[in-house]
Amino acid sequence: MTVGPQLTLLRYLEITFRGGKPFAAYLYLPRKDGDQAQGTRELAPGIIADFAADGRPIGLEFLSPASVTAQAVNAALRQLGLPPGSAC
């Protein structure tokens, strides 16, 4: 029996550190197994959205994570038609 592509429903944030400081960050958005970025769009300075081949947003890249605010992340999510995040 073949099962279709699995959908990862969770958002999660991956942060890369260099010298103890955040260097880059990526917010993974819900995606199907095998999704790869086929296009990008800058939503705000230093915030890049990645899109799957069918146009779905699959992630946000933060080029300078130390300077990104929660408000900027939520504004980017709203531009993509997605609900805002919440602080932990």
C-alpha atoms as a PDB file:
ATOM      1  CA  MET A   1       0.000   0.000   0.000  1.00  0.00           C
ATOM      2  CA  THR A   2       1.354   3.423  -0.954  1.00  0.00           C
ATOM      3  CA  VAL A   3       0.725   6.400   1.253  1.00  0.00           C
ATOM      4  CA  GLY A   4       0.864   9.934  -0.177  1.00  0.00           C
ATOM      5  CA  PRO A   5       3.384  12.526   0.905  1.00  0.00           C
ATOM      6  CA  GLN A   6       3.386  13.272   4.596  1.00  0.00           C
ATOM      7  CA  LEU A   7       2.691  16.828   5.692  1.00  0.00           C
ATOM      8  CA  THR A   8       4.761  18.297   8.496  1.00  0.00           C
ATOM      9  CA  LEU A   9       2.277  20.504  10.325  1.00  0.00           C
ATOM     10  CA  LEU A  10       4.638  22.089  12.811  1.00  0.00           C
ATOM     11  CA  ARG A  11       6.571  25.286  12.499  1.00  0.00           C
ATOM     12  CA  TYR A  12      10.008  25.144  13.986  1.00  0.00           C
ATOM     13  CA  LEU A  13      12.975  27.466  14.172  1.00  0.00           C
ATOM     14  CA  GLU A  14      16.547  26.446  13.455  1.00  0.00           C
ATOM     15  CA  ILE A  15      19.302  28.845  14.543  1.00  0.00           C
ATOM     16  CA  THR A  16      22.954  28.578  13.526  1.00  0.00           C
ATOM     17  CA  PHE A  17      25.493  30.049  15.942  1.00  0.00           C
ATOM     18  CA  ARG A  18      29.065  31.112  15.248  1.00  0.00           C
ATOM     19  CA  GLY A  19      31.303  32.272  18.036  1.00  0.00           C
ATOM     20  CA  GLY A  20      28.378  32.028  20.430  1.00  0.00           C
ATOM     21  CA  LYS A  21      26.262  34.510  18.443  1.00  0.00           C
ATOM     22  CA  PRO A  22      23.281  33.814  16.165  1.00  0.00           C
ATOM     23  CA  PHE A  23      24.547  33.803  12.588  1.00  0.00           C
ATOM     24  CA  ALA A  24      21.509  32.662  10.588  1.00  0.00           C
ATOM     25  CA  ALA A  25      18.025  31.360  11.294  1.00  0.00           C
ATOM     26  CA  TYR A  26      15.326  29.512   9.372  1.00  0.00           C
ATOM     27  CA  LEU A  27      11.663  29.150  10.318  1.00  0.00           C
ATOM     28  CA  TYR A  28      10.330  25.940   8.802  1.00  0.00           C
ATOM     29  CA  LEU A  29       6.670  26.205   7.810  1.00  0.00           C
ATOM     30  CA  PRO A  30       4.266  23.292   7.240  1.00  0.00           C
ATOM     31  CA  ARG A  31       5.528  21.291   4.271  1.00  0.00           C
ATOM     32  CA  LYS A  32       5.166  18.006   2.438  1.00  0.00           C
ATOM     33  CA  ASP A  33       7.920  15.396   2.408  1.00  0.00           C
ATOM     34  CA  GLY A  34      10.330  16.229  -0.365  1.00  0.00           C
ATOM     35  CA  ASP A  35       9.382  19.907  -0.684  1.00  0.00           C
ATOM     36  CA  GLN A  36      12.297  22.021  -1.822  1.00  0.00           C
ATOM     37  CA  ALA A  37      12.528  25.743  -2.383  1.00  0.00           C
ATOM     38  CA  GLN A  38      11.826  26.545  -6.017  1.00  0.00           C
ATOM     39  CA  GLY A  39      11.550  30.299  -5.564  1.00  0.00           C
ATOM     40  CA  THR A  40      12.180  33.054  -3.066  1.00  0.00           C
ATOM     41  CA  ARG A  41      10.855  36.523  -2.272  1.00  0.00           C
ATOM     42  CA  GLU A  42      12.180  39.155   0.100  1.00  0.00           C
ATOM     43  CA  LEU A  43       9.322  40.131   2.421  1.00  0.00           C
ATOM     44  CA  ALA A  44      11.288  42.680   4.451  1.00  0.00           C
ATOM     45  CA  PRO A  45      14.964  43.601   4.753  1.00  0.00           C
ATOM     46  CA  GLY A  46      16.734  40.408   5.849  1.00  0.00           C
ATOM     47  CA  ILE A  47      13.608  38.209   5.727  1.00  0.00           C
ATOM     48  CA  ILE A  48      13.379  35.885   2.728  1.00  0.00           C
ATOM     49  CA  ALA A  49      10.440  33.543   2.048  1.00  0.00           C
ATOM     50  CA  ASP A  50      11.024  30.210   0.304  1.00  0.00           C
ATOM     51  CA  PHE A  51       8.287  28.696  -1.861  1.00  0.00           C
ATOM     52  CA  ALA A  52       7.637  25.144  -3.062  1.00  0.00           C
ATOM     53  CA  ALA A  53       7.108  24.419  -6.753  1.00  0.00           C
ATOM     54  CA  ASP A  54       3.335  24.826  -6.334  1.00  0.00           C
ATOM     55  CA  GLY A  55       3.737  28.273  -4.732  1.00  0.00           C
ATOM     56  CA  ARG A  56       3.188  27.312  -1.083  1.00  0.00           C
ATOM     57  CA  PRO A  57       5.445  29.091   1.410  1.00  0.00           C
ATOM     58  CA  ILE A  58       7.680  26.518   3.108  1.00  0.00           C
ATOM     59  CA  GLY A  59      10.070  28.647   5.143  1.00  0.00           C
ATOM     60  CA  LEU A  60      11.431  32.001   6.207  1.00  0.00           C
ATOM     61  CA  GLU A  61      15.142  32.742   6.224  1.00  0.00           C
ATOM     62  CA  PHE A  62      16.486  35.413   8.589  1.00  0.00           C
ATOM     63  CA  LEU A  63      19.800  36.790   7.409  1.00  0.00           C
ATOM     64  CA  SER A  64      20.532  38.658  10.643  1.00  0.00           C
ATOM     65  CA  PRO A  65      18.524  36.858  13.333  1.00  0.00           C
ATOM     66  CA  ALA A  66      19.748  39.044  16.193  1.00  0.00           C
ATOM     67  CA  SER A  67      17.997  42.042  14.625  1.00  0.00           C
ATOM     68  CA  VAL A  68      14.662  40.376  13.756  1.00  0.00           C
ATOM     69  CA  THR A  69      11.727  41.166  16.026  1.00  0.00           C
ATOM     70  CA  ALA A  70       8.646  39.062  16.720  1.00  0.00           C
ATOM     71  CA  GLN A  71       6.604  41.823  15.091  1.00  0.00           C
ATOM     72  CA  ALA A  72       8.656  41.539  11.889  1.00  0.00           C
ATOM     73  CA  VAL A  73       8.216  37.746  11.825  1.00  0.00           C
ATOM     74  CA  ASN A  74       4.458  38.065  12.325  1.00  0.00           C
ATOM     75  CA  ALA A  75       4.235  40.741   9.613  1.00  0.00           C
ATOM     76  CA  ALA A  76       6.027  38.367   7.207  1.00  0.00           C
ATOM     77  CA  LEU A  77       3.676  35.518   8.139  1.00  0.00           C
ATOM     78  CA  ARG A  78       0.657  37.779   7.536  1.00  0.00           C
ATOM     79  CA  GLN A  79       2.040  38.686   4.080  1.00  0.00           C
ATOM     80  CA  LEU A  80       1.990  34.954   3.324  1.00  0.00           C
ATOM     81  CA  GLY A  81      -1.581  34.569   4.592  1.00  0.00           C
ATOM     82  CA  LEU A  82      -0.437  32.555   7.619  1.00  0.00           C
ATOM     83  CA  PRO A  83      -1.404  32.992  11.274  1.00  0.00           C
ATOM     84  CA  PRO A  84       1.081  34.782  13.516  1.00  0.00           C
ATOM     85  CA  GLY A  85       3.431  32.999  15.842  1.00  0.00           C
ATOM     86  CA  SER A  86       3.377  33.228  19.590  1.00  0.00           C
ATOM     87  CA  ALA A  87       6.145  33.712  22.103  1.00  0.00           C
ATOM     88  CA  CYS A  88       7.172  30.731  24.216  1.00  0.00           C
END
